[in-house]
C-alpha atoms as a PDB file:
ATOM      1  CA  LYS A   1     -26.760   7.642 -32.804  1.00  0.00           C
ATOM      2  CA  SER A   2     -27.241  10.719 -30.310  1.00  0.00           C
ATOM      3  CA  SER A   3     -26.339  11.326 -27.164  1.00  0.00           C
ATOM      4  CA  ARG A   4     -29.907  12.269 -26.264  1.00  0.00           C
ATOM      5  CA  SER A   5     -31.087   8.575 -26.891  1.00  0.00           C
ATOM      6  CA  ASN A   6     -30.076   5.731 -24.092  1.00  0.00           C
ATOM      7  CA  PRO A   7     -30.583   2.006 -23.704  1.00  0.00           C
ATOM      8  CA  VAL A   8     -34.108   3.301 -21.111  1.00  0.00           C
ATOM      9  CA  THR A   9     -34.893   6.028 -23.525  1.00  0.00           C
ATOM     10  CA  TYR A  10     -34.810   3.382 -26.184  1.00  0.00           C
ATOM     11  CA  VAL A  11     -36.922   0.352 -24.221  1.00  0.00           C
ATOM     12  CA  LYS A  12     -39.277   2.762 -22.731  1.00  0.00           C
ATOM     13  CA  ALA A  13     -38.204   2.300 -19.280  1.00  0.00           C
ATOM     14  CA  PHE A  14     -37.482   5.969 -18.794  1.00  0.00           C
ATOM     15  CA  ASP A  15     -40.694   6.753 -19.036  1.00  0.00           C
ATOM     16  CA  GLU A  16     -41.307   4.687 -15.793  1.00  0.00           C
ATOM     17  CA  ILE A  17     -38.497   6.149 -14.012  1.00  0.00           C
ATOM     18  CA  ARG A  18     -39.631   9.570 -14.617  1.00  0.00           C
ATOM     19  CA  SER A  19     -43.084   8.737 -13.597  1.00  0.00           C
ATOM     20  CA  LEU A  20     -41.668   6.984  -9.627  1.00  0.00           C
ATOM     21  CA  LEU A  21     -39.615  10.074  -9.332  1.00  0.00           C
ATOM     22  CA  ALA A  22     -42.470  12.406 -10.305  1.00  0.00           C
ATOM     23  CA  ASP A  23     -44.832  10.859  -7.992  1.00  0.00           C
ATOM     24  CA  THR A  24     -42.441  11.110  -4.836  1.00  0.00           C
ATOM     25  CA  SER A  25     -43.839  13.440  -1.742  1.00  0.00           C
ATOM     26  CA  HIS A  26     -40.859  15.746  -3.033  1.00  0.00           C
ATOM     27  CA  ALA A  27     -41.665  15.683  -6.731  1.00  0.00           C
ATOM     28  CA  LYS A  28     -45.481  16.681  -5.433  1.00  0.00           C
ATOM     29  CA  ALA A  29     -44.793  18.949  -3.330  1.00  0.00           C
ATOM     30  CA  ARG A  30     -42.670  20.978  -5.971  1.00  0.00           C
ATOM     31  CA  GLY A  31     -45.090  21.009  -8.422  1.00  0.00           C
ATOM     32  CA  LEU A  32     -42.536  18.689 -10.618  1.00  0.00           C
ATOM     33  CA  LYS A  33     -43.892  16.656 -13.300  1.00  0.00           C
ATOM     34  CA  PRO A  34     -42.360  13.708 -15.325  1.00  0.00           C
ATOM     35  CA  SER A  35     -41.557  16.236 -17.962  1.00  0.00           C
ATOM     36  CA  HIS A  36     -39.507  17.793 -15.303  1.00  0.00           C
ATOM     37  CA  PHE A  37     -37.206  14.880 -15.606  1.00  0.00           C
ATOM     38  CA  SER A  38     -36.402  14.506 -19.236  1.00  0.00           C
ATOM     39  CA  PHE A  39     -33.333  15.919 -20.633  1.00  0.00           C
ATOM     40  CA  ASN A  40     -34.464  16.565 -23.885  1.00  0.00           C
ATOM     41  CA  ILE A  41     -37.116  19.379 -22.855  1.00  0.00           C
ATOM     42  CA  SER A  42     -36.658  22.568 -21.360  1.00  0.00           C
ATOM     43  CA  GLY A  43     -38.341  22.759 -17.276  1.00  0.00           C
ATOM     44  CA  GLY A  44     -35.785  20.110 -15.415  1.00  0.00           C
ATOM     45  CA  ARG A  45     -32.954  20.009 -17.243  1.00  0.00           C
ATOM     46  CA  CYS A  46     -29.862  21.931 -16.976  1.00  0.00           C
ATOM     47  CA  GLU A  47     -30.412  24.898 -19.765  1.00  0.00           C
ATOM     48  CA  SER A  48     -26.878  25.910 -20.145  1.00  0.00           C
ATOM     49  CA  CYS A  49     -25.959  22.484 -21.761  1.00  0.00           C
ATOM     50  CA  GLU A  50     -29.223  21.981 -22.546  1.00  0.00           C
ATOM     51  CA  GLY A  51     -29.312  18.750 -20.613  1.00  0.00           C
ATOM     52  CA  GLU A  52     -26.307  17.360 -22.416  1.00  0.00           C
ATOM     53  CA  GLY A  53     -23.922  17.546 -19.491  1.00  0.00           C
ATOM     54  CA  HIS A  54     -20.910  19.346 -21.628  1.00  0.00           C
ATOM     55  CA  VAL A  55     -20.922  22.155 -23.849  1.00  0.00           C
ATOM     56  CA  THR A  56     -19.288  22.048 -26.853  1.00  0.00           C
ATOM     57  CA  VAL A  57     -15.910  24.213 -28.127  1.00  0.00           C
ATOM     58  CA  GLY A  58     -15.752  24.609 -31.903  1.00  0.00           C
ATOM     59  CA  MET A  59     -11.854  24.450 -32.951  1.00  0.00           C
ATOM     60  CA  GLN A  60     -12.081  25.247 -36.530  1.00  0.00           C
ATOM     61  CA  PHE A  61      -9.711  23.223 -38.244  1.00  0.00           C
ATOM     62  CA  MET A  62      -9.469  20.633 -35.299  1.00  0.00           C
ATOM     63  CA  ALA A  63     -11.962  18.428 -33.678  1.00  0.00           C
ATOM     64  CA  ASP A  64     -14.527  20.081 -31.560  1.00  0.00           C
ATOM     65  CA  LEU A  65     -13.813  19.869 -27.709  1.00  0.00           C
ATOM     66  CA  LYS A  66     -16.213  18.651 -24.978  1.00  0.00           C
ATOM     67  CA  LEU A  67     -15.872  20.387 -21.798  1.00  0.00           C
ATOM     68  CA  VAL A  68     -17.933  19.213 -18.429  1.00  0.00           C
ATOM     69  CA  CYS A  69     -20.795  21.664 -17.899  1.00  0.00           C
ATOM     70  CA  GLU A  70     -19.825  24.145 -15.296  1.00  0.00           C
ATOM     71  CA  ASP A  71     -23.465  24.365 -14.163  1.00  0.00           C
ATOM     72  CA  CYS A  72     -24.359  21.120 -13.794  1.00  0.00           C
ATOM     73  CA  GLY A  73     -21.522  19.336 -13.328  1.00  0.00           C
ATOM     74  CA  GLY A  74     -22.298  16.616 -16.160  1.00  0.00           C
ATOM     75  CA  LYS A  75     -25.403  15.630 -14.054  1.00  0.00           C
ATOM     76  CA  ARG A  76     -27.685  17.035 -16.908  1.00  0.00           C
ATOM     77  CA  PHE A  77     -30.592  18.474 -14.483  1.00  0.00           C
ATOM     78  CA  GLN A  78     -31.142  21.400 -12.418  1.00  0.00           C
ATOM     79  CA  ASP A  79     -30.434  21.387  -8.262  1.00  0.00           C
ATOM     80  CA  HIS A  80     -34.189  21.536  -7.613  1.00  0.00           C
ATOM     81  CA  VAL A  81     -34.942  18.093  -9.844  1.00  0.00           C
ATOM     82  CA  LEU A  82     -31.669  16.619  -8.410  1.00  0.00           C
ATOM     83  CA  GLU A  83     -32.755  17.291  -5.205  1.00  0.00           C
ATOM     84  CA  VAL A  84     -35.765  14.566  -5.757  1.00  0.00           C
ATOM     85  CA  THR A  85     -34.906  11.284  -4.781  1.00  0.00           C
ATOM     86  CA  TYR A  86     -36.261   7.895  -4.687  1.00  0.00           C
ATOM     87  CA  GLN A  87     -34.869   5.597  -2.692  1.00  0.00           C
ATOM     88  CA  GLY A  88     -32.391   7.754  -1.729  1.00  0.00           C
ATOM     89  CA  LYS A  89     -31.062   8.063  -5.669  1.00  0.00           C
ATOM     90  CA  ASN A  90     -31.917  11.125  -7.782  1.00  0.00           C
ATOM     91  CA  VAL A  91     -32.219  10.810 -11.318  1.00  0.00           C
ATOM     92  CA  HIS A  92     -28.435  10.931 -11.738  1.00  0.00           C
ATOM     93  CA  ASP A  93     -27.606   8.449 -10.055  1.00  0.00           C
ATOM     94  CA  ILE A  94     -30.038   6.618 -11.598  1.00  0.00           C
ATOM     95  CA  LEU A  95     -29.396   6.924 -15.164  1.00  0.00           C
ATOM     96  CA  THR A  96     -25.412   6.340 -14.270  1.00  0.00           C
ATOM     97  CA  MET A  97     -26.429   2.918 -12.914  1.00  0.00           C
ATOM     98  CA  THR A  98     -25.843  -0.249 -14.807  1.00  0.00           C
ATOM     99  CA  VAL A  99     -28.741  -2.894 -16.253  1.00  0.00           C
ATOM    100  CA  ASP A 100     -27.591  -5.541 -13.400  1.00  0.00           C
ATOM    101  CA  ASP A 101     -27.787  -2.917 -10.511  1.00  0.00           C
ATOM    102  CA  ALA A 102     -30.588  -1.332 -11.573  1.00  0.00           C
ATOM    103  CA  LEU A 103     -32.465  -4.294 -11.565  1.00  0.00           C
ATOM    104  CA  LEU A 104     -31.407  -5.291  -8.205  1.00  0.00           C
ATOM    105  CA  PHE A 105     -31.981  -1.467  -7.109  1.00  0.00           C
ATOM    106  CA  PHE A 106     -36.144  -1.272  -7.921  1.00  0.00           C
ATOM    107  CA  ALA A 107     -36.522  -4.959  -7.505  1.00  0.00           C
ATOM    108  CA  PRO A 108     -39.046  -5.310  -3.980  1.00  0.00           C
ATOM    109  CA  GLU A 109     -37.563  -6.781  -1.114  1.00  0.00           C
ATOM    110  CA  PRO A 110     -38.481 -10.359  -0.704  1.00  0.00           C
ATOM    111  CA  GLY A 111     -41.881 -11.030   0.079  1.00  0.00           C
ATOM    112  CA  ARG A 112     -43.067  -7.829  -0.912  1.00  0.00           C
ATOM    113  CA  LYS A 113     -45.625  -7.376  -3.672  1.00  0.00           C
ATOM    114  CA  PRO A 114     -44.228  -4.913  -6.267  1.00  0.00           C
ATOM    115  CA  THR A 115     -47.075  -2.212  -7.170  1.00  0.00           C
ATOM    116  CA  ALA A 116     -47.714  -2.142 -11.110  1.00  0.00           C
ATOM    117  CA  ALA A 117     -44.981   0.525 -11.925  1.00  0.00           C
ATOM    118  CA  ILE A 118     -42.183  -1.591 -10.920  1.00  0.00           C
ATOM    119  CA  ARG A 119     -43.293  -4.697 -12.560  1.00  0.00           C
ATOM    120  CA  ARG A 120     -43.349  -2.679 -15.781  1.00  0.00           C
ATOM    121  CA  LEU A 121     -40.385  -0.987 -15.283  1.00  0.00           C
ATOM    122  CA  LEU A 122     -38.762  -4.324 -14.710  1.00  0.00           C
ATOM    123  CA  ALA A 123     -40.152  -6.076 -17.396  1.00  0.00           C
ATOM    124  CA  LYS A 124     -38.818  -2.849 -19.843  1.00  0.00           C
ATOM    125  CA  LEU A 125     -35.305  -3.483 -18.295  1.00  0.00           C
ATOM    126  CA  GLN A 126     -34.991  -7.546 -18.180  1.00  0.00           C
ATOM    127  CA  PRO A 127     -35.096  -7.753 -21.969  1.00  0.00           C
ATOM    128  CA  LEU A 128     -31.528  -5.460 -21.775  1.00  0.00           C
ATOM    129  CA  GLN A 129     -29.795  -7.676 -19.345  1.00  0.00           C
ATOM    130  CA  ASP A 130     -31.291 -11.237 -21.337  1.00  0.00           C
ATOM    131  CA  VAL A 131     -29.523  -9.601 -24.416  1.00  0.00           C
ATOM    132  CA  GLY A 132     -26.137  -9.523 -22.611  1.00  0.00           C
ATOM    133  CA  LEU A 133     -26.076  -5.634 -21.710  1.00  0.00           C
ATOM    134  CA  GLY A 134     -26.053  -6.118 -17.798  1.00  0.00           C
ATOM    135  CA  TYR A 135     -22.969  -3.658 -17.656  1.00  0.00           C
ATOM    136  CA  VAL A 136     -24.317  -0.414 -19.609  1.00  0.00           C
ATOM    137  CA  ALA A 137     -25.030   2.356 -18.220  1.00  0.00           C
ATOM    138  CA  LEU A 138     -29.073   3.354 -18.279  1.00  0.00           C
ATOM    139  CA  GLY A 139     -28.151   6.529 -19.359  1.00  0.00           C
ATOM    140  CA  GLN A 140     -24.913   5.795 -21.480  1.00  0.00           C
ATOM    141  CA  GLY A 141     -25.458   7.922 -24.835  1.00  0.00           C
ATOM    142  CA  SER A 142     -26.096   5.620 -27.935  1.00  0.00           C
ATOM    143  CA  ASN A 143     -23.256   7.195 -30.050  1.00  0.00           C
ATOM    144  CA  THR A 144     -20.793   5.724 -27.441  1.00  0.00           C
ATOM    145  CA  LEU A 145     -21.804   1.924 -27.847  1.00  0.00           C
ATOM    146  CA  SER A 146     -20.793  -0.292 -30.071  1.00  0.00           C
ATOM    147  CA  GLY A 147     -22.269  -1.443 -33.329  1.00  0.00           C
ATOM    148  CA  GLY A 148     -22.858  -4.839 -31.565  1.00  0.00           C
ATOM    149  CA  GLU A 149     -24.651  -3.254 -28.391  1.00  0.00           C
ATOM    150  CA  ALA A 150     -26.633  -1.371 -30.674  1.00  0.00           C
ATOM    151  CA  GLN A 151     -28.100  -3.702 -32.265  1.00  0.00           C
ATOM    152  CA  ARG A 152     -28.752  -5.909 -29.025  1.00  0.00           C
ATOM    153  CA  ILE A 153     -30.919  -2.662 -27.738  1.00  0.00           C
ATOM    154  CA  LYS A 154     -32.709  -2.902 -30.342  1.00  0.00           C
ATOM    155  CA  LEU A 155     -33.451  -6.674 -29.786  1.00  0.00           C
ATOM    156  CA  ALA A 156     -34.564  -5.831 -26.180  1.00  0.00           C
ATOM    157  CA  ALA A 157     -36.425  -3.511 -27.480  1.00  0.00           C
ATOM    158  CA  PHE A 158     -38.544  -5.921 -29.824  1.00  0.00           C
ATOM    159  CA  LEU A 159     -38.366  -8.254 -26.934  1.00  0.00           C
ATOM    160  CA  ALA A 160     -40.455  -6.067 -24.396  1.00  0.00           C
ATOM    161  CA  ARG A 161     -43.356  -5.923 -26.629  1.00  0.00           C
ATOM    162  CA  GLY A 162     -43.475  -9.106 -26.298  1.00  0.00           C
ATOM    163  CA  ASP A 163     -45.536 -11.050 -29.209  1.00  0.00           C
ATOM    164  CA  ARG A 164     -47.939  -8.538 -30.279  1.00  0.00           C
ATOM    165  CA  GLN A 165     -46.515  -7.543 -33.409  1.00  0.00           C
ATOM    166  CA  GLY A 166     -46.613  -9.812 -36.932  1.00  0.00           C
ATOM    167  CA  HIS A 167     -43.619 -11.894 -37.734  1.00  0.00           C
ATOM    168  CA  THR A 168     -40.578 -10.263 -38.341  1.00  0.00           C
ATOM    169  CA  LEU A 169     -37.213 -11.107 -40.145  1.00  0.00           C
ATOM    170  CA  PHE A 170     -34.421 -10.076 -38.203  1.00  0.00           C
ATOM    171  CA  VAL A 171     -30.690  -9.400 -39.394  1.00  0.00           C
ATOM    172  CA  PHE A 172     -27.848  -9.137 -37.303  1.00  0.00           C
ATOM    173  CA  ASP A 173     -24.521  -8.338 -38.190  1.00  0.00           C
ATOM    174  CA  GLU A 174     -21.926  -9.344 -35.844  1.00  0.00           C
ATOM    175  CA  PRO A 175     -23.810  -9.060 -32.957  1.00  0.00           C
ATOM    176  CA  THR A 176     -21.550 -10.865 -30.315  1.00  0.00           C
ATOM    177  CA  THR A 177     -18.716  -7.894 -31.295  1.00  0.00           C
ATOM    178  CA  GLY A 178     -17.098  -7.373 -27.522  1.00  0.00           C
ATOM    179  CA  LEU A 179     -19.374 -10.310 -25.255  1.00  0.00           C
ATOM    180  CA  HIS A 180     -18.405 -12.197 -23.043  1.00  0.00           C
ATOM    181  CA  VAL A 181     -18.736 -16.685 -23.219  1.00  0.00           C
ATOM    182  CA  HIS A 182     -21.831 -16.087 -20.838  1.00  0.00           C
ATOM    183  CA  ASP A 183     -23.464 -13.160 -22.477  1.00  0.00           C
ATOM    184  CA  VAL A 184     -22.834 -14.884 -25.612  1.00  0.00           C
ATOM    185  CA  ALA A 185     -25.184 -17.705 -24.173  1.00  0.00           C
ATOM    186  CA  LYS A 186     -27.526 -14.693 -23.251  1.00  0.00           C
ATOM    187  CA  LEU A 187     -27.709 -13.372 -26.813  1.00  0.00           C
ATOM    188  CA  LEU A 188     -28.378 -17.054 -27.870  1.00  0.00           C
ATOM    189  CA  GLU A 189     -31.384 -17.319 -25.653  1.00  0.00           C
ATOM    190  CA  SER A 190     -32.943 -13.945 -27.336  1.00  0.00           C
ATOM    191  CA  PHE A 191     -32.951 -15.541 -30.834  1.00  0.00           C
ATOM    192  CA  ASP A 192     -34.489 -18.363 -29.468  1.00  0.00           C
ATOM    193  CA  ALA A 193     -36.966 -16.143 -27.710  1.00  0.00           C
ATOM    194  CA  LEU A 194     -37.371 -14.455 -30.794  1.00  0.00           C
ATOM    195  CA  LEU A 195     -37.644 -17.768 -32.983  1.00  0.00           C
ATOM    196  CA  GLN A 196     -40.767 -19.012 -30.837  1.00  0.00           C
ATOM    197  CA  GLN A 197     -42.867 -15.957 -31.354  1.00  0.00           C
ATOM    198  CA  GLY A 198     -42.803 -16.859 -34.698  1.00  0.00           C
ATOM    199  CA  HIS A 199     -39.999 -14.362 -36.031  1.00  0.00           C
ATOM    200  CA  SER A 200     -36.694 -15.486 -38.726  1.00  0.00           C
ATOM    201  CA  VAL A 201     -33.338 -14.785 -37.559  1.00  0.00           C
ATOM    202  CA  VAL A 202     -30.741 -14.563 -39.777  1.00  0.00           C
ATOM    203  CA  VAL A 203     -27.075 -13.502 -38.516  1.00  0.00           C
ATOM    204  CA  ILE A 204     -23.775 -12.716 -39.766  1.00  0.00           C
ATOM    205  CA  GLU A 205     -20.960 -14.183 -37.765  1.00  0.00           C
ATOM    206  CA  HIS A 206     -17.945 -15.741 -37.011  1.00  0.00           C
ATOM    207  CA  HIS A 207     -18.406 -16.892 -33.308  1.00  0.00           C
ATOM    208  CA  LEU A 208     -18.188 -20.836 -33.310  1.00  0.00           C
ATOM    209  CA  ASP A 209     -20.895 -20.745 -30.094  1.00  0.00           C
ATOM    210  CA  VAL A 210     -22.946 -18.829 -32.454  1.00  0.00           C
ATOM    211  CA  LEU A 211     -22.730 -21.029 -35.589  1.00  0.00           C
ATOM    212  CA  LYS A 212     -23.098 -24.762 -33.767  1.00  0.00           C
ATOM    213  CA  CYS A 213     -26.130 -23.351 -32.407  1.00  0.00           C
ATOM    214  CA  ALA A 214     -27.499 -22.547 -36.091  1.00  0.00           C
ATOM    215  CA  ASP A 215     -30.286 -24.454 -38.126  1.00  0.00           C
ATOM    216  CA  PHE A 216     -28.671 -23.725 -41.579  1.00  0.00           C
ATOM    217  CA  ILE A 217     -25.499 -21.964 -42.271  1.00  0.00           C
ATOM    218  CA  VAL A 218     -24.615 -20.348 -45.487  1.00  0.00           C
ATOM    219  CA  ASP A 219     -20.521 -20.549 -45.326  1.00  0.00           C
ATOM    220  CA  LEU A 220     -18.630 -18.059 -47.824  1.00  0.00           C
ATOM    221  CA  GLY A 221     -14.556 -18.821 -48.421  1.00  0.00           C
ATOM    222  CA  PRO A 222     -11.954 -20.476 -48.471  1.00  0.00           C
ATOM    223  CA  GLY A 223     -10.582 -17.247 -47.310  1.00  0.00           C
ATOM    224  CA  GLY A 224     -11.221 -13.482 -46.436  1.00  0.00           C
ATOM    225  CA  GLY A 225     -11.678 -10.373 -48.541  1.00  0.00           C
ATOM    226  CA  LYS A 226     -10.698 -11.308 -51.988  1.00  0.00           C
ATOM    227  CA  TYR A 227      -9.758 -14.430 -51.284  1.00  0.00           C
ATOM    228  CA  GLY A 228     -13.465 -15.327 -50.372  1.00  0.00           C
ATOM    229  CA  GLY A 229     -16.453 -14.854 -52.431  1.00  0.00           C
ATOM    230  CA  THR A 230     -17.111 -18.904 -53.446  1.00  0.00           C
ATOM    231  CA  LEU A 231     -20.211 -21.072 -51.470  1.00  0.00           C
ATOM    232  CA  MET A 232     -18.189 -23.473 -49.677  1.00  0.00           C
ATOM    233  CA  HIS A 233     -21.096 -25.123 -48.032  1.00  0.00           C
ATOM    234  CA  GLU A 234     -24.759 -24.582 -47.372  1.00  0.00           C
ATOM    235  CA  GLY A 235     -26.835 -27.121 -44.760  1.00  0.00           C
ATOM    236  CA  THR A 236     -26.803 -27.741 -41.239  1.00  0.00           C
ATOM    237  CA  PRO A 237     -23.218 -27.517 -38.369  1.00  0.00           C
ATOM    238  CA  GLU A 238     -23.434 -31.232 -39.148  1.00  0.00           C
ATOM    239  CA  SER A 239     -22.992 -31.587 -42.654  1.00  0.00           C
ATOM    240  CA  LEU A 240     -20.529 -28.340 -43.130  1.00  0.00           C
ATOM    241  CA  ALA A 241     -18.029 -29.942 -40.128  1.00  0.00           C
ATOM    242  CA  LYS A 242     -17.886 -32.633 -42.733  1.00  0.00           C
ATOM    243  CA  ASN A 243     -16.563 -30.315 -45.447  1.00  0.00           C
ATOM    244  CA  ASN A 244     -13.064 -30.763 -45.819  1.00  0.00           C
ATOM    245  CA  HIS A 245     -12.948 -27.914 -48.327  1.00  0.00           C
ATOM    246  CA  SER A 246     -13.986 -25.075 -45.226  1.00  0.00           C
ATOM    247  CA  VAL A 247     -11.928 -23.425 -42.886  1.00  0.00           C
ATOM    248  CA  THR A 248     -14.928 -22.829 -40.700  1.00  0.00           C
ATOM    249  CA  ALA A 249     -15.629 -26.849 -40.822  1.00  0.00           C
ATOM    250  CA  LYS A 250     -12.076 -27.405 -39.220  1.00  0.00           C
ATOM    251  CA  HIS A 251     -12.722 -24.957 -36.204  1.00  0.00           C
ATOM    252  CA  LEU A 252     -16.282 -26.017 -35.939  1.00  0.00           C
ATOM    253  CA  SER A 253     -15.787 -29.766 -35.508  1.00  0.00           C
ATOM    254  CA  PRO A 254     -14.170 -29.912 -32.148  1.00  0.00           C
ATOM    255  CA  LYS A 255     -17.305 -27.405 -30.695  1.00  0.00           C
ATOM    256  CA  LEU A 256     -19.476 -30.069 -32.054  1.00  0.00           C
ATOM    257  CA  ARG A 257     -18.070 -32.850 -30.573  1.00  0.00           C
ATOM    258  CA  SER A 258     -17.504 -31.059 -27.165  1.00  0.00           C
ATOM    259  CA  THR A 259     -21.511 -30.377 -27.187  1.00  0.00           C
END
């Protein structure tokens, strides 16, 4: 995890955003290229903080102190780069948008056909929303993401590539952590998309909405930690619900009856 990687760099959507900004008349007049809108290389980034937006002060025996860069005010880029806008938004404004807001911002007006660049950008952003990450900022550093969020970003990157790769076994460790019920449903749809492409999905999970949708469940127990480790059941959710010795079954049964 690094502050220099974020959701849009991981799914390669930032390449399209930088190209859109570089294609504006203002950028062309100043001779700015897509590379000038990157905070990872010299040219357009703030050199005082090297595109981080903050400077780190070593505190010897204490944790390092991070201070907002005085030169760029945390915006990561030089002023002449920030003056370039796409539909009124500069690169910093775009990176602070959430995925949901960005999809609305870049969507073409009703009745207008999107350009090829916009189609590519939307196709790369959409999987982030599909896996329940619509609330995440485009430029949020991966070092601030939870483990579940990081797993879902990797899933979104894979979905964005479509079915052009060979069949893969995916292993997810509690990917629903922190998700709203509505977003859990989106995540399950993403799992279905992987299955339809011929991939296999193994999920370590306690969320009942995930368990009831599984094709096959391996239930370990009877308790947690040192009180577990025994194979309580293996089979479909319906067969698990009939197991009188499983704690999971007691909670799963009402879920299955309500569907």
